[in-house]
Amino acid sequence: MEQERSRVIQEFVPGKQVTLAHVIANPDEMLYTKLGIKEAGAIGILTLTPTETAIIAADIATKAASVELGFLDRFTGSLIVVGDVSAVEMAVEAVNTVLSQKLKFTPALVTKS
């Protein structure tokens, strides 16, 4: 019996934007394991286009607050930062603000769960 293979097509539209800015204040322990990152309090998730912006966002986040990089992918524009809740919130807000004010990105609403 042949297994059905799925194919994922990822498409980006031209533009400069923060597409997701979310803080998980109290993540389940299992989430760290599934993500393959060190358990360290809150998790901040950002997705950005163009995707290389994740590198700039990581620099902004780590300079703005006491957070650690959990994950960075310049090919998908994904960035995860970890730390205490207030630091993660500060880092995510700083990325959103700097990218929108200095580089004229369209910001995202920062959400929290």
Protein backbone atom coordinates (compact mmCIF):
# COMPACT_ATOMS: atom_id res chain seq x y z
CA MET A 1 0.00 0.00 0.00
CA GLU A 2 1.53 3.28 -1.09
CA GLN A 3 1.50 6.09 1.44
CA GLU A 4 0.01 9.35 0.31
CA ARG A 5 2.61 12.11 0.24
CA SER A 6 1.68 15.66 0.95
CA ARG A 7 3.22 18.64 -0.71
CA VAL A 8 3.46 22.05 0.91
CA ILE A 9 3.70 25.16 -1.18
CA GLN A 10 4.67 28.29 0.68
CA GLU A 11 3.99 31.59 -1.00
CA PHE A 12 5.01 35.05 0.11
CA VAL A 13 3.72 38.31 -1.22
CA PRO A 14 6.08 41.23 -1.68
CA GLY A 15 6.08 43.59 1.24
CA LYS A 16 7.60 44.27 4.58
CA GLN A 17 5.54 43.12 7.51
CA VAL A 18 5.44 41.47 10.87
CA THR A 19 2.79 38.83 10.20
CA LEU A 20 2.56 37.37 13.72
CA ALA A 21 3.67 38.68 17.10
CA HIS A 22 2.44 36.49 19.95
CA VAL A 23 3.48 35.85 23.55
CA ILE A 24 2.66 32.59 25.32
CA ALA A 25 2.95 33.59 28.97
CA ASN A 26 2.68 30.16 30.58
CA PRO A 27 3.38 27.44 28.01
CA ASP A 28 2.80 23.78 28.74
CA GLU A 29 6.10 21.96 29.41
CA MET A 30 5.42 19.64 26.47
CA LEU A 31 5.58 22.60 24.11
CA TYR A 32 9.28 23.12 24.86
CA THR A 33 9.98 19.47 24.11
CA LYS A 34 8.05 19.54 20.85
CA LEU A 35 9.83 22.73 19.78
CA GLY A 36 13.20 21.33 20.83
CA ILE A 37 14.05 24.36 22.94
CA LYS A 38 15.21 24.85 26.51
CA GLU A 39 12.44 25.49 29.03
CA ALA A 40 12.81 29.12 30.02
CA GLY A 41 9.51 30.74 30.96
CA ALA A 42 7.43 32.57 28.37
CA ILE A 43 7.70 32.08 24.60
CA GLY A 44 7.55 34.90 22.06
CA ILE A 45 6.74 33.98 18.46
CA LEU A 46 7.31 36.24 15.46
CA THR A 47 6.94 35.62 11.75
CA LEU A 48 8.27 38.17 9.32
CA THR A 49 8.50 38.95 5.62
CA PRO A 50 10.89 39.22 3.94
CA THR A 51 12.15 36.16 5.75
CA GLU A 52 15.71 37.41 6.28
CA THR A 53 14.23 40.02 8.62
CA ALA A 54 14.26 37.31 11.30
CA ILE A 55 18.00 37.98 11.67
CA ILE A 56 17.42 41.68 12.31
CA ALA A 57 14.51 40.89 14.65
CA ALA A 58 16.70 38.53 16.69
CA ASP A 59 19.28 41.28 17.13
CA ILE A 60 16.62 43.80 18.19
CA ALA A 61 14.96 41.36 20.62
CA THR A 62 18.16 40.32 22.39
CA LYS A 63 19.30 43.94 22.77
CA ALA A 64 15.90 45.17 23.99
CA ALA A 65 15.35 42.64 26.77
CA SER A 66 16.90 39.77 28.66
CA VAL A 67 15.69 37.00 26.35
CA GLU A 68 17.35 34.04 24.69
CA LEU A 69 16.87 32.89 21.14
CA GLY A 70 14.88 29.67 21.08
CA PHE A 71 14.74 29.35 17.30
CA LEU A 72 15.62 31.42 14.25
CA ASP A 73 14.95 30.49 10.63
CA ARG A 74 15.91 32.98 7.95
CA PHE A 75 14.27 30.84 5.28
CA THR A 76 10.77 30.97 6.81
CA GLY A 77 11.04 34.24 8.72
CA SER A 78 10.35 32.56 12.05
CA LEU A 79 11.77 33.72 15.36
CA ILE A 80 11.16 32.34 18.85
CA VAL A 81 12.48 34.07 21.95
CA VAL A 82 12.25 32.77 25.50
CA GLY A 83 12.57 34.34 28.93
CA ASP A 84 10.42 35.71 31.70
CA VAL A 85 7.04 37.09 30.64
CA SER A 86 7.88 40.79 30.92
CA ALA A 87 11.17 40.38 29.02
CA VAL A 88 9.52 38.41 26.22
CA GLU A 89 6.72 40.98 25.94
CA MET A 90 9.30 43.79 25.84
CA ALA A 91 11.35 42.00 23.17
CA VAL A 92 8.35 41.29 20.92
CA GLU A 93 7.09 44.88 21.28
CA ALA A 94 10.57 46.25 20.52
CA VAL A 95 10.85 44.21 17.32
CA ASN A 96 7.43 45.39 16.19
CA THR A 97 8.21 49.03 17.01
CA VAL A 98 11.71 49.22 15.52
CA LEU A 99 10.74 47.44 12.32
CA SER A 100 7.68 49.65 11.83
CA GLN A 101 9.26 52.98 12.77
CA LYS A 102 12.77 52.65 11.38
CA LEU A 103 12.32 50.23 8.48
CA LYS A 104 8.69 51.09 7.61
CA PHE A 105 7.32 47.57 8.11
CA THR A 106 3.62 47.00 8.62
CA PRO A 107 3.38 45.99 12.30
CA ALA A 108 1.26 43.21 13.76
CA LEU A 109 -1.00 43.41 16.76
CA VAL A 110 0.91 41.81 19.64
CA THR A 111 -1.30 39.12 21.14
CA LYS A 112 -0.91 37.10 24.33
CA SER A 113 -2.20 33.83 25.70
